[in-house]
Protein backbone atom coordinates (compact mmCIF):
# COMPACT_ATOMS: atom_id res chain seq x y z
CA MET A 1 89.99 26.38 22.16
CA TYR A 2 88.85 23.32 23.87
CA SER A 3 90.51 19.39 23.40
CA ASN A 4 88.05 16.81 22.73
CA LEU A 5 88.66 13.51 24.44
CA THR A 6 91.05 11.82 21.52
CA GLY A 7 93.25 15.17 22.19
CA ALA A 8 92.16 17.29 18.68
CA VAL A 9 91.45 20.74 19.53
CA THR A 10 87.92 22.63 18.00
CA LEU A 11 87.43 25.70 18.07
CA PRO A 12 85.08 27.86 19.98
CA GLY A 13 81.63 28.95 17.85
CA ILE A 14 83.30 32.54 15.38
CA GLY A 15 80.88 34.85 17.92
CA GLU A 16 83.41 33.54 20.55
CA GLN A 17 86.00 34.04 18.52
CA LEU A 18 84.96 37.15 17.52
CA ALA A 19 84.82 38.47 21.03
CA PHE A 20 88.30 37.16 21.52
CA LEU A 21 89.67 39.08 19.03
CA PHE A 22 88.27 42.62 19.79
CA ILE A 23 89.15 41.36 23.68
CA LEU A 24 92.36 40.74 23.15
CA GLY A 25 93.00 44.35 20.36
CA LEU A 26 92.77 46.17 23.19
CA PRO A 27 95.49 45.16 25.64
CA ILE A 28 97.38 44.99 22.55
CA ALA A 29 97.08 48.62 21.48
CA SER A 30 97.43 49.66 25.38
CA ILE A 31 100.78 48.44 25.37
CA ALA A 32 101.79 49.31 21.46
CA TRP A 33 101.12 52.57 22.18
CA THR A 34 102.32 53.49 25.81
CA ILE A 35 105.34 51.94 24.81
CA THR A 36 105.79 53.85 21.36
CA HIS A 37 104.08 57.27 22.88
CA GLU A 38 103.79 57.78 26.14
CA ASP A 39 105.69 59.79 28.37
CA ILE A 40 106.89 56.91 30.62
CA PHE A 41 109.21 55.78 27.52
CA ARG A 42 110.27 59.00 26.15
CA GLU A 43 114.07 58.38 26.81
CA VAL A 44 113.46 54.90 25.15
CA HIS A 45 111.50 56.17 22.39
CA ASP A 46 114.15 58.87 21.54
CA TRP A 47 117.12 56.38 22.24
CA CYS A 48 115.33 53.89 19.51
CA LYS A 49 114.47 57.03 17.53
CA HIS A 50 118.34 58.32 17.44
CA ASN A 51 119.66 54.75 16.67
CA SER A 52 116.66 54.20 13.99
CA GLU A 53 118.67 57.20 11.86
CA SER A 54 121.97 56.65 13.08
CA CYS A 55 123.39 53.30 12.96
CA SER A 56 125.04 51.81 10.18
CA ARG A 57 123.53 48.36 9.30
CA LEU A 58 120.73 48.42 7.55
CA TYR A 59 119.21 45.38 10.20
CA LYS A 60 120.24 47.42 12.93
CA ARG A 61 117.97 50.60 11.92
CA LYS A 62 115.17 48.69 11.49
CA PHE A 63 115.09 46.89 14.98
CA PHE A 64 115.39 50.04 16.41
CA TYR A 65 112.47 52.11 14.11
CA LEU A 66 110.29 48.68 15.91
CA PHE A 67 110.25 50.77 19.08
CA THR A 68 109.07 53.69 17.48
CA CYS A 69 106.46 52.33 15.46
CA GLU A 70 102.93 51.49 16.51
CA TYR A 71 101.91 49.93 13.69
CA CYS A 72 104.92 47.84 13.48
CA PHE A 73 105.72 47.18 17.04
CA SER A 74 101.90 45.81 17.48
CA HIS A 75 102.96 43.18 15.34
CA TYR A 76 105.39 41.62 17.74
CA VAL A 77 102.72 42.46 21.07
CA ALA A 78 100.14 40.61 18.57
CA VAL A 79 103.07 37.61 18.18
CA LEU A 80 103.66 37.85 22.04
CA PHE A 81 99.79 37.41 22.61
CA LEU A 82 99.14 34.23 20.16
CA ILE A 83 101.55 32.52 22.29
CA VAL A 84 100.81 33.06 25.87
CA THR A 85 96.97 33.11 24.95
CA ARG A 86 96.94 29.99 22.30
CA PHE A 87 94.29 32.08 20.50
CA ARG A 88 93.45 30.52 17.15
CA MET A 89 90.33 32.06 14.43
CA LEU A 90 88.61 29.47 11.74
CA TYR A 91 91.23 27.09 11.64
CA SER A 92 92.49 25.07 14.62
CA ASP A 93 96.46 24.45 12.73
CA TRP A 94 99.03 27.41 11.89
CA ARG A 95 96.50 28.89 9.67
CA GLY A 96 94.66 29.53 12.69
CA TYR A 97 97.48 31.57 13.74
CA LEU A 98 98.79 32.98 11.13
CA ILE A 99 94.87 34.42 10.59
CA SER A 100 94.85 35.30 14.08
CA GLY A 101 97.86 37.17 14.22
CA PHE A 102 96.78 39.49 11.71
CA ALA A 103 93.34 40.14 12.80
CA LEU A 104 94.75 41.19 15.95
CA VAL A 105 97.03 43.20 14.89
CA TRP A 106 94.41 45.08 12.57
CA VAL A 107 91.63 45.64 15.83
CA ALA A 108 94.50 46.78 17.50
CA ASN A 109 95.35 49.57 14.91
CA VAL A 110 91.77 50.94 14.31
CA TYR A 111 92.09 51.15 18.35
CA MET A 112 94.92 52.45 17.95
CA ASN A 113 93.69 55.09 15.42
CA LEU A 114 90.91 56.16 17.62
CA TYR A 115 92.19 56.72 20.52
CA SER A 116 94.66 59.09 18.30
CA ARG A 117 91.89 61.12 17.46
CA VAL A 118 90.39 61.39 20.39
CA ARG A 119 93.08 62.63 21.91
CA LEU A 120 93.76 64.89 19.10
CA ASP A 121 90.29 66.28 19.22
CA ILE A 122 90.81 66.55 22.97
CA LYS A 123 93.58 68.68 22.81
CA ARG A 124 92.13 70.58 19.65
CA GLU A 125 89.15 71.33 22.26
CA ARG A 126 91.51 72.83 24.62
CA VAL A 127 93.76 75.20 21.89
CA GLU A 128 90.41 76.77 21.08
CA ILE A 129 89.28 77.53 24.69
CA ALA A 130 92.58 78.86 25.44
CA ALA A 131 92.46 80.87 22.43
CA LYS A 132 88.64 82.34 22.92
CA GLU A 133 89.91 82.78 26.49
CA ASN A 134 93.11 85.20 25.34
CA GLN A 135 91.40 87.02 22.71
CA LYS A 136 88.26 88.05 25.48
CA THR A 137 90.66 89.22 27.93
CA GLU A 138 92.48 91.07 24.99
CA GLN A 139 89.03 92.82 23.85
CA GLU A 140 87.98 93.22 27.61
CA PRO A 141 89.69 96.81 29.28
CA SER A 142 91.12 96.48 32.58
CA PRO A 143 87.94 97.58 35.04
CA ALA A 144 88.46 100.82 36.45
CA LEU A 145 89.41 101.59 39.27
CA VAL A 146 86.75 102.33 41.76
CA VAL A 147 87.03 104.14 45.18
CA PRO A 148 84.12 104.50 47.66
CA SER A 149 83.18 108.22 48.01
CA GLU A 150 84.34 107.56 51.63
CA ALA A 151 87.52 106.24 51.34
CA LEU A 152 88.42 110.10 49.40
CA PRO A 153 89.47 112.55 51.40
CA LYS A 154 87.16 115.56 52.27
CA THR A 155 88.49 118.87 50.54
CA PRO A 156 87.05 122.39 50.69
CA GLU A 157 84.65 123.50 48.11
CA PRO A 158 85.95 126.35 46.54
CA ASP A 159 84.35 129.94 47.49
CA HIS A 160 82.50 130.47 43.96
CA VAL A 161 80.37 126.81 44.45
CA ARG A 162 79.44 127.96 48.38
CA GLN A 163 77.41 130.60 46.65
């Protein structure tokens, strides 16, 4: 966002706005995913999930639910980023904030969806590899113990073999 001499805000070109949109979507997605899914926040997530299911008041349940849903939480992270960056799309007034807010949420959720699919594919590949390794070890008999003939004790040959 640029200001001219009169103080009016002029927006950058649409290409630059789209670049900002896709770049700002990355940290929004990262923050929303990390807080709602990663193990570093597991205790907080479990506590919020429990409260979202057990609180007596509807507004309390909804408040705690937003910390368990990456889609819901990404709206609040996007609003925070709009306040910090003052990013606007298409319009230089409140409509620009509204459009950019929903666009940022959409882009962040596309990123999170792609990330979850990649993680799922990696997990599936690991499970398939482990299953193949287990199947391979079950099919192969354990190798017989091979002892070199030099290590065996010498026993005398029976009489009928020597003749």
